[in-house]
Amino acid sequence: QVQLVESGGGLVQAGGSLRLSCAASGRTFRSYAMGWFRQAPGKERELVAAISWHSSSTYYADSVKGRFTISRDNAKNTVYLQMNSLKPEDTAVYYCAADLAPPGALRFGVEQYEYWGQGTQVTVSS
């Protein structure tokens, strides 16, 4: 069982930065592939970034490539999402997700992740 708690969301002006954190419980955090999703009102939840459990593989949605960086610290049971050059279209609730996976593996679909956090709101004003 893994419990995930996101933090770091808030209100920021366009062009600004935020760093989201996702703290995980459980001693086997290092065995989990992690992902950050977001969901805007009226839209489907979409994968923003993903990382394998030993950080050898990462994925970014085209819409955030070059602006967002996913990273993890297995010693701290935490995954991060550094968001730079934020745009109003980045406004959404951001969710952290985890799934037990082999080394180097990524997970892409909502249905592929077993554990979810409660979400943190990110609002980017123009």
C-alpha atoms as a PDB file:
ATOM      1  CA  GLN A   1       0.000   0.000   0.000  1.00  0.00           C
ATOM      2  CA  VAL A   2       1.285   3.450  -0.935  1.00  0.00           C
ATOM      3  CA  GLN A   3      -0.165   6.763   0.177  1.00  0.00           C
ATOM      4  CA  LEU A   4       0.656   9.882  -1.797  1.00  0.00           C
ATOM      5  CA  VAL A   5       0.386  13.490  -0.626  1.00  0.00           C
ATOM      6  CA  GLU A   6       0.966  16.369  -3.026  1.00  0.00           C
ATOM      7  CA  SER A   7       2.004  19.884  -2.055  1.00  0.00           C
ATOM      8  CA  GLY A   8       3.355  23.042  -3.639  1.00  0.00           C
ATOM      9  CA  GLY A   9       0.415  24.175  -5.700  1.00  0.00           C
ATOM     10  CA  GLY A  10      -0.838  27.738  -5.710  1.00  0.00           C
ATOM     11  CA  LEU A  11      -1.486  30.874  -7.719  1.00  0.00           C
ATOM     12  CA  VAL A  12       1.263  32.216  -9.948  1.00  0.00           C
ATOM     13  CA  GLN A  13       1.495  34.717 -12.782  1.00  0.00           C
ATOM     14  CA  ALA A  14       2.220  33.607 -16.310  1.00  0.00           C
ATOM     15  CA  GLY A  15       5.938  33.102 -16.776  1.00  0.00           C
ATOM     16  CA  GLY A  16       6.428  32.141 -13.160  1.00  0.00           C
ATOM     17  CA  SER A  17       7.504  28.875 -11.576  1.00  0.00           C
ATOM     18  CA  LEU A  18       6.216  26.372  -9.071  1.00  0.00           C
ATOM     19  CA  ARG A  19       7.648  23.175  -7.651  1.00  0.00           C
ATOM     20  CA  LEU A  20       5.251  20.408  -6.783  1.00  0.00           C
ATOM     21  CA  SER A  21       6.199  17.683  -4.346  1.00  0.00           C
ATOM     22  CA  CYS A  22       4.638  14.287  -3.793  1.00  0.00           C
ATOM     23  CA  ALA A  23       5.537  12.505  -0.574  1.00  0.00           C
ATOM     24  CA  ALA A  24       4.956   8.761  -0.532  1.00  0.00           C
ATOM     25  CA  SER A  25       4.569   6.398   2.375  1.00  0.00           C
ATOM     26  CA  GLY A  26       5.877   2.853   2.322  1.00  0.00           C
ATOM     27  CA  ARG A  27       9.320   1.362   2.263  1.00  0.00           C
ATOM     28  CA  THR A  28       9.209   0.196  -1.348  1.00  0.00           C
ATOM     29  CA  PHE A  29       8.881   3.635  -2.941  1.00  0.00           C
ATOM     30  CA  ARG A  30      11.960   2.966  -5.027  1.00  0.00           C
ATOM     31  CA  SER A  31      10.130   0.140  -6.810  1.00  0.00           C
ATOM     32  CA  TYR A  32       7.367   2.382  -8.130  1.00  0.00           C
ATOM     33  CA  ALA A  33       7.125   4.189 -11.409  1.00  0.00           C
ATOM     34  CA  MET A  34       5.726   7.664 -10.758  1.00  0.00           C
ATOM     35  CA  GLY A  35       3.706  10.089 -12.779  1.00  0.00           C
ATOM     36  CA  TRP A  36       2.251  13.574 -12.623  1.00  0.00           C
ATOM     37  CA  PHE A  37      -1.151  14.076 -14.185  1.00  0.00           C
ATOM     38  CA  ARG A  38      -3.343  17.139 -14.446  1.00  0.00           C
ATOM     39  CA  GLN A  39      -7.021  17.722 -14.947  1.00  0.00           C
ATOM     40  CA  ALA A  40      -8.569  21.000 -15.964  1.00  0.00           C
ATOM     41  CA  PRO A  41     -12.316  21.667 -15.562  1.00  0.00           C
ATOM     42  CA  GLY A  42     -14.288  19.841 -18.215  1.00  0.00           C
ATOM     43  CA  LYS A  43     -11.258  17.994 -19.521  1.00  0.00           C
ATOM     44  CA  GLU A  44      -9.893  14.493 -19.126  1.00  0.00           C
ATOM     45  CA  ARG A  45      -7.020  13.748 -16.817  1.00  0.00           C
ATOM     46  CA  GLU A  46      -3.796  13.817 -18.816  1.00  0.00           C
ATOM     47  CA  LEU A  47      -0.267  12.628 -18.169  1.00  0.00           C
ATOM     48  CA  VAL A  48       2.173  15.497 -17.816  1.00  0.00           C
ATOM     49  CA  ALA A  49       5.380  13.661 -16.894  1.00  0.00           C
ATOM     50  CA  ALA A  50       6.532  10.235 -15.764  1.00  0.00           C
ATOM     51  CA  ILE A  51       9.687   8.775 -14.278  1.00  0.00           C
ATOM     52  CA  SER A  52      10.966   5.250 -13.739  1.00  0.00           C
ATOM     53  CA  TRP A  53      11.890   4.094 -10.289  1.00  0.00           C
ATOM     54  CA  HIS A  54      15.618   4.591 -10.745  1.00  0.00           C
ATOM     55  CA  SER A  55      15.164   7.772 -12.837  1.00  0.00           C
ATOM     56  CA  SER A  56      16.744   6.254 -15.952  1.00  0.00           C
ATOM     57  CA  SER A  57      13.620   6.895 -18.010  1.00  0.00           C
ATOM     58  CA  THR A  58      11.437   9.971 -18.171  1.00  0.00           C
ATOM     59  CA  TYR A  59       8.528  11.117 -20.300  1.00  0.00           C
ATOM     60  CA  TYR A  60       7.034  14.547 -20.919  1.00  0.00           C
ATOM     61  CA  ALA A  61       3.891  15.585 -22.705  1.00  0.00           C
ATOM     62  CA  ASP A  62       4.631  17.771 -25.698  1.00  0.00           C
ATOM     63  CA  SER A  63       2.791  20.653 -24.072  1.00  0.00           C
ATOM     64  CA  VAL A  64       5.268  20.833 -21.180  1.00  0.00           C
ATOM     65  CA  LYS A  65       8.486  19.619 -22.777  1.00  0.00           C
ATOM     66  CA  GLY A  66      11.325  22.038 -22.081  1.00  0.00           C
ATOM     67  CA  ARG A  67       9.385  23.784 -19.289  1.00  0.00           C
ATOM     68  CA  PHE A  68       8.685  21.038 -16.735  1.00  0.00           C
ATOM     69  CA  THR A  69      11.151  18.657 -15.089  1.00  0.00           C
ATOM     70  CA  ILE A  70      10.248  15.524 -13.156  1.00  0.00           C
ATOM     71  CA  SER A  71      12.681  14.122 -10.619  1.00  0.00           C
ATOM     72  CA  ARG A  72      12.652  11.868  -7.583  1.00  0.00           C
ATOM     73  CA  ASP A  73      14.612  11.320  -4.410  1.00  0.00           C
ATOM     74  CA  ASN A  74      14.120   7.714  -3.337  1.00  0.00           C
ATOM     75  CA  ALA A  75      15.875   8.341  -0.021  1.00  0.00           C
ATOM     76  CA  LYS A  76      13.181  10.910   0.794  1.00  0.00           C
ATOM     77  CA  ASN A  77      10.300   8.964  -0.795  1.00  0.00           C
ATOM     78  CA  THR A  78       9.483  12.053  -2.812  1.00  0.00           C
ATOM     79  CA  VAL A  79       8.886  12.901  -6.457  1.00  0.00           C
ATOM     80  CA  TYR A  80       8.999  16.457  -7.747  1.00  0.00           C
ATOM     81  CA  LEU A  81       7.654  18.421 -10.663  1.00  0.00           C
ATOM     82  CA  GLN A  82       9.514  21.648 -11.371  1.00  0.00           C
ATOM     83  CA  MET A  83       7.320  23.861 -13.517  1.00  0.00           C
ATOM     84  CA  ASN A  84       8.864  26.872 -15.242  1.00  0.00           C
ATOM     85  CA  SER A  85       7.533  29.389 -17.753  1.00  0.00           C
ATOM     86  CA  LEU A  86       4.014  28.625 -16.644  1.00  0.00           C
ATOM     87  CA  LYS A  87       1.125  29.473 -18.933  1.00  0.00           C
ATOM     88  CA  PRO A  88      -2.575  30.020 -18.172  1.00  0.00           C
ATOM     89  CA  GLU A  89      -3.302  26.739 -19.973  1.00  0.00           C
ATOM     90  CA  ASP A  90      -1.286  24.921 -17.297  1.00  0.00           C
ATOM     91  CA  THR A  91      -4.056  25.730 -14.818  1.00  0.00           C
ATOM     92  CA  ALA A  92      -5.409  22.452 -13.441  1.00  0.00           C
ATOM     93  CA  VAL A  93      -5.481  20.144 -10.469  1.00  0.00           C
ATOM     94  CA  TYR A  94      -2.215  18.215 -10.495  1.00  0.00           C
ATOM     95  CA  TYR A  95      -2.148  14.624  -9.277  1.00  0.00           C
ATOM     96  CA  CYS A  96       0.712  12.372  -8.325  1.00  0.00           C
ATOM     97  CA  ALA A  97       0.384   8.662  -9.162  1.00  0.00           C
ATOM     98  CA  ALA A  98       2.382   5.497  -8.493  1.00  0.00           C
ATOM     99  CA  ASP A  99       2.535   1.980  -9.863  1.00  0.00           C
ATOM    100  CA  LEU A 100       4.770  -0.961  -9.027  1.00  0.00           C
ATOM    101  CA  ALA A 101       7.021  -1.429 -12.044  1.00  0.00           C
ATOM    102  CA  PRO A 102      10.240  -3.064 -13.283  1.00  0.00           C
ATOM    103  CA  PRO A 103      13.424  -0.982 -13.414  1.00  0.00           C
ATOM    104  CA  GLY A 104      13.333   1.526 -16.231  1.00  0.00           C
ATOM    105  CA  ALA A 105       9.639   1.071 -16.902  1.00  0.00           C
ATOM    106  CA  LEU A 106       7.251   3.959 -17.327  1.00  0.00           C
ATOM    107  CA  ARG A 107       3.493   4.053 -17.028  1.00  0.00           C
ATOM    108  CA  PHE A 108       1.441   6.280 -19.287  1.00  0.00           C
ATOM    109  CA  GLY A 109      -2.268   5.739 -18.883  1.00  0.00           C
ATOM    110  CA  VAL A 110      -4.557   6.683 -16.024  1.00  0.00           C
ATOM    111  CA  GLU A 111      -5.622   3.044 -15.819  1.00  0.00           C
ATOM    112  CA  GLN A 112      -2.010   1.906 -15.407  1.00  0.00           C
ATOM    113  CA  TYR A 113      -1.478   3.648 -12.090  1.00  0.00           C
ATOM    114  CA  GLU A 114      -2.673   1.965  -8.938  1.00  0.00           C
ATOM    115  CA  TYR A 115      -2.182   4.716  -6.358  1.00  0.00           C
ATOM    116  CA  TRP A 116      -3.199   8.363  -6.500  1.00  0.00           C
ATOM    117  CA  GLY A 117      -2.795  11.469  -4.383  1.00  0.00           C
ATOM    118  CA  GLN A 118      -5.592  13.879  -3.597  1.00  0.00           C
ATOM    119  CA  GLY A 119      -4.362  16.548  -5.986  1.00  0.00           C
ATOM    120  CA  THR A 120      -3.086  20.106  -5.642  1.00  0.00           C
ATOM    121  CA  GLN A 121      -4.470  23.125  -7.474  1.00  0.00           C
ATOM    122  CA  VAL A 122      -2.232  25.121  -9.797  1.00  0.00           C
ATOM    123  CA  THR A 123      -3.634  28.377 -11.127  1.00  0.00           C
ATOM    124  CA  VAL A 124      -1.721  30.511 -13.613  1.00  0.00           C
ATOM    125  CA  SER A 125      -3.013  34.014 -14.163  1.00  0.00           C
ATOM    126  CA  SER A 126      -2.454  35.917 -17.384  1.00  0.00           C
END
